[in-house]
Structure formats: C-alpha cells, structure tokens
C-alpha atoms as a PDB file:
ATOM      1  CA  MET A   1       0.089  -0.411   0.068  1.00  0.00           C
ATOM      2  CA  LYS A   2       1.192   3.132  -0.911  1.00  0.00           C
ATOM      3  CA  LYS A   3       1.776   6.043   1.667  1.00  0.00           C
ATOM      4  CA  LEU A   4      -0.169   9.321   1.726  1.00  0.00           C
ATOM      5  CA  SER A   5       2.355  11.098   1.363  1.00  0.00           C
ATOM      6  CA  ASP A   6       3.385   9.639  -1.767  1.00  0.00           C
ATOM      7  CA  GLU A   7       0.001  10.419  -3.205  1.00  0.00           C
ATOM      8  CA  VAL A   8       0.185  14.182  -1.835  1.00  0.00           C
ATOM      9  CA  THR A   9       3.526  14.296  -3.732  1.00  0.00           C
ATOM     10  CA  LYS A  10       1.985  12.842  -7.018  1.00  0.00           C
ATOM     11  CA  GLU A  11      -0.584  15.394  -6.664  1.00  0.00           C
ATOM     12  CA  GLN A  12       1.972  18.248  -6.300  1.00  0.00           C
ATOM     13  CA  LEU A  13       4.284  17.112  -9.238  1.00  0.00           C
ATOM     14  CA  ILE A  14       1.041  17.333 -11.626  1.00  0.00           C
ATOM     15  CA  ALA A  15       0.037  20.672 -10.610  1.00  0.00           C
ATOM     16  CA  ASP A  16       3.643  22.006 -11.068  1.00  0.00           C
ATOM     17  CA  PHE A  17       3.888  20.335 -14.121  1.00  0.00           C
ATOM     18  CA  MET A  18       0.590  21.662 -15.224  1.00  0.00           C
ATOM     19  CA  VAL A  19       2.162  25.212 -14.525  1.00  0.00           C
ATOM     20  CA  VAL A  20       5.374  24.052 -16.388  1.00  0.00           C
ATOM     21  CA  LEU A  21       2.975  23.325 -19.459  1.00  0.00           C
ATOM     22  CA  ALA A  22       0.933  26.663 -19.237  1.00  0.00           C
ATOM     23  CA  ASP A  23       4.254  28.845 -19.263  1.00  0.00           C
ATOM     24  CA  ALA A  24       5.303  26.691 -22.215  1.00  0.00           C
ATOM     25  CA  GLU A  25       2.116  27.187 -24.384  1.00  0.00           C
ATOM     26  CA  ALA A  26       2.700  30.908 -23.429  1.00  0.00           C
ATOM     27  CA  LEU A  27       6.117  30.795 -24.581  1.00  0.00           C
ATOM     28  CA  LEU A  28       5.046  29.394 -27.931  1.00  0.00           C
ATOM     29  CA  LYS A  29       2.218  31.714 -28.421  1.00  0.00           C
ATOM     30  CA  ALA A  30       4.609  34.764 -27.308  1.00  0.00           C
ATOM     31  CA  SER A  31       7.089  33.729 -30.097  1.00  0.00           C
ATOM     32  CA  ALA A  32       4.303  33.163 -32.715  1.00  0.00           C
ATOM     33  CA  ASN A  33       5.374  36.280 -34.712  1.00  0.00           C
ATOM     34  CA  HIS A  34       9.138  35.631 -34.580  1.00  0.00           C
ATOM     35  CA  GLY A  35      11.395  33.595 -36.772  1.00  0.00           C
ATOM     36  CA  GLY A  36      11.458  31.771 -39.824  1.00  0.00           C
ATOM     37  CA  GLU A  37      10.069  28.668 -41.367  1.00  0.00           C
ATOM     38  CA  LYS A  38      12.249  26.279 -39.352  1.00  0.00           C
ATOM     39  CA  LEU A  39      11.104  27.879 -36.082  1.00  0.00           C
ATOM     40  CA  ALA A  40       7.474  27.700 -37.130  1.00  0.00           C
ATOM     41  CA  GLU A  41       8.076  23.942 -37.779  1.00  0.00           C
ATOM     42  CA  VAL A  42       9.467  23.286 -34.149  1.00  0.00           C
ATOM     43  CA  ARG A  43       7.158  25.253 -32.761  1.00  0.00           C
ATOM     44  CA  ALA A  44       4.082  23.264 -34.253  1.00  0.00           C
ATOM     45  CA  LYS A  45       6.166  20.197 -33.146  1.00  0.00           C
ATOM     46  CA  ALA A  46       6.260  21.640 -29.601  1.00  0.00           C
ATOM     47  CA  GLU A  47       2.479  21.978 -29.365  1.00  0.00           C
ATOM     48  CA  GLU A  48       1.733  18.923 -30.529  1.00  0.00           C
ATOM     49  CA  SER A  49       3.860  17.382 -27.802  1.00  0.00           C
ATOM     50  CA  LEU A  50       2.248  19.871 -25.259  1.00  0.00           C
ATOM     51  CA  LYS A  51      -1.116  18.575 -26.282  1.00  0.00           C
ATOM     52  CA  ALA A  52      -0.382  14.983 -25.982  1.00  0.00           C
ATOM     53  CA  VAL A  53       1.425  15.674 -22.409  1.00  0.00           C
ATOM     54  CA  LYS A  54      -1.564  17.464 -21.382  1.00  0.00           C
ATOM     55  CA  ALA A  55      -3.932  14.930 -22.137  1.00  0.00           C
ATOM     56  CA  LYS A  56      -2.069  12.298 -20.227  1.00  0.00           C
ATOM     57  CA  MET A  57      -1.719  14.488 -17.394  1.00  0.00           C
ATOM     58  CA  ALA A  58      -5.571  14.821 -17.286  1.00  0.00           C
ATOM     59  CA  GLY A  59      -5.800  10.981 -17.365  1.00  0.00           C
ATOM     60  CA  THR A  60      -3.188  10.660 -14.440  1.00  0.00           C
ATOM     61  CA  GLN A  61      -5.128  13.607 -12.273  1.00  0.00           C
ATOM     62  CA  THR A  62      -8.105  11.609 -12.974  1.00  0.00           C
ATOM     63  CA  LEU A  63      -6.710   8.190 -11.724  1.00  0.00           C
ATOM     64  CA  LEU A  64      -5.155  10.050  -8.794  1.00  0.00           C
ATOM     65  CA  LEU A  65      -8.351  11.930  -7.593  1.00  0.00           C
ATOM     66  CA  ALA A  66     -10.306   8.530  -7.762  1.00  0.00           C
ATOM     67  CA  LYS A  67      -7.188   6.504  -5.980  1.00  0.00           C
ATOM     68  CA  THR A  68      -7.374   9.392  -3.531  1.00  0.00           C
ATOM     69  CA  LYS A  69     -11.350   9.091  -3.011  1.00  0.00           C
ATOM     70  CA  THR A  70     -10.927   5.466  -2.616  1.00  0.00           C
ATOM     71  CA  ALA A  71      -8.217   5.813   0.240  1.00  0.00           C
ATOM     72  CA  SER A  72     -10.408   8.581   1.598  1.00  0.00           C
ATOM     73  CA  ASP A  73     -13.641   6.370   1.609  1.00  0.00           C
ATOM     74  CA  ALA A  74     -11.415   3.147   3.192  1.00  0.00           C
ATOM     75  CA  THR A  75     -10.441   5.331   5.997  1.00  0.00           C
ATOM     76  CA  ASP A  76     -13.895   6.480   6.727  1.00  0.00           C
ATOM     77  CA  ALA A  77     -15.022   3.224   6.857  1.00  0.00           C
ATOM     78  CA  TYR A  78     -12.151   1.758   9.094  1.00  0.00           C
ATOM     79  CA  VAL A  79     -12.481   4.814  11.583  1.00  0.00           C
ATOM     80  CA  HIS A  80     -16.394   4.044  11.748  1.00  0.00           C
ATOM     81  CA  ASP A  81     -15.630   0.211  12.293  1.00  0.00           C
ATOM     82  CA  ASN A  82     -13.050   0.542  14.607  1.00  0.00           C
ATOM     83  CA  PRO A  83     -13.721   4.074  16.444  1.00  0.00           C
ATOM     84  CA  TRP A  84     -11.463   2.961  19.591  1.00  0.00           C
ATOM     85  CA  SER A  85      -8.603   1.936  17.430  1.00  0.00           C
ATOM     86  CA  ALA A  86      -8.813   4.982  15.532  1.00  0.00           C
ATOM     87  CA  ILE A  87      -8.575   7.160  18.449  1.00  0.00           C
ATOM     88  CA  GLY A  88      -5.562   5.054  19.983  1.00  0.00           C
ATOM     89  CA  ILE A  89      -3.761   5.500  16.341  1.00  0.00           C
ATOM     90  CA  SER A  90      -4.455   9.352  16.501  1.00  0.00           C
ATOM     91  CA  ALA A  91      -3.389   9.393  20.198  1.00  0.00           C
ATOM     92  CA  GLY A  92      -0.138   7.789  19.469  1.00  0.00           C
ATOM     93  CA  VAL A  93       0.883   9.745  16.377  1.00  0.00           C
ATOM     94  CA  GLY A  94      -0.032  12.948  18.308  1.00  0.00           C
ATOM     95  CA  LEU A  95       2.237  11.998  21.206  1.00  0.00           C
ATOM     96  CA  LEU A  96       5.165  11.265  18.864  1.00  0.00           C
ATOM     97  CA  ILE A  97       4.404  14.613  16.695  1.00  0.00           C
ATOM     98  CA  GLY A  98       4.304  15.904  20.200  1.00  0.00           C
ATOM     99  CA  LEU A  99       7.809  14.579  21.122  1.00  0.00           C
ATOM    100  CA  LEU A 100       9.561  15.409  17.970  1.00  0.00           C
ATOM    101  CA  ILE A 101       8.400  19.008  18.119  1.00  0.00           C
ATOM    102  CA  GLY A 102       9.503  19.221  21.723  1.00  0.00           C
ATOM    103  CA  ARG A 103      12.998  17.985  21.220  1.00  0.00           C
ATOM    104  CA  ARG A 104      13.763  21.000  19.094  1.00  0.00           C
END
C-alpha cells in the first residue's frame, strides 16, 4: 500500500507540471510572430507535444483523484468500524509528533 505522502507528492508534481505546461504554451504563443520557417516547424511540433502531454496529465490527474477518493472512503469506513483503534492510533501519532517537536 502506498503512503499518503506519496499521493500528495504525485498531486503536487502534477500541479507543478501543469504550471510548466501553461508557461510553455505562453512562450510558444508569444514567439509566434518571430522567426522563420524552421522555427515555425519546431513551434508546431512543440505544440503537438504539449497537447499530448496535457492529455496524459489529465488522465493521470483523474486516476489520482479516484485513488485518493478510494483511500479516503476506506479510511472513513475503518474509523467508523473501529473507533477506539482510530482514537488510539491518533493519540499515538499525536504523542510522537509532540515528542519530536519538543526535541527542537
């Protein structure tokens, strides 16, 4: 089972990559009136690549959201089925965090 931090990292990576894609698109649009035929060819190829990457990222983002929803539902069901275990785990994690913060 993957850690929640792995999922958050993937989510952040997707968000950061989408920003990079948006910046690359803006750069391509800004340079549309500059350069010759060779640059226009490269620009068209880059635009096609960006479209393909955006489509793949959208699919990955949808999959990630579905996995996050599934994990959230499983956690909710566990807490409802085992409230005292959940309280014990939460108290233990809180104690551990408190000890780590107190060491600073």
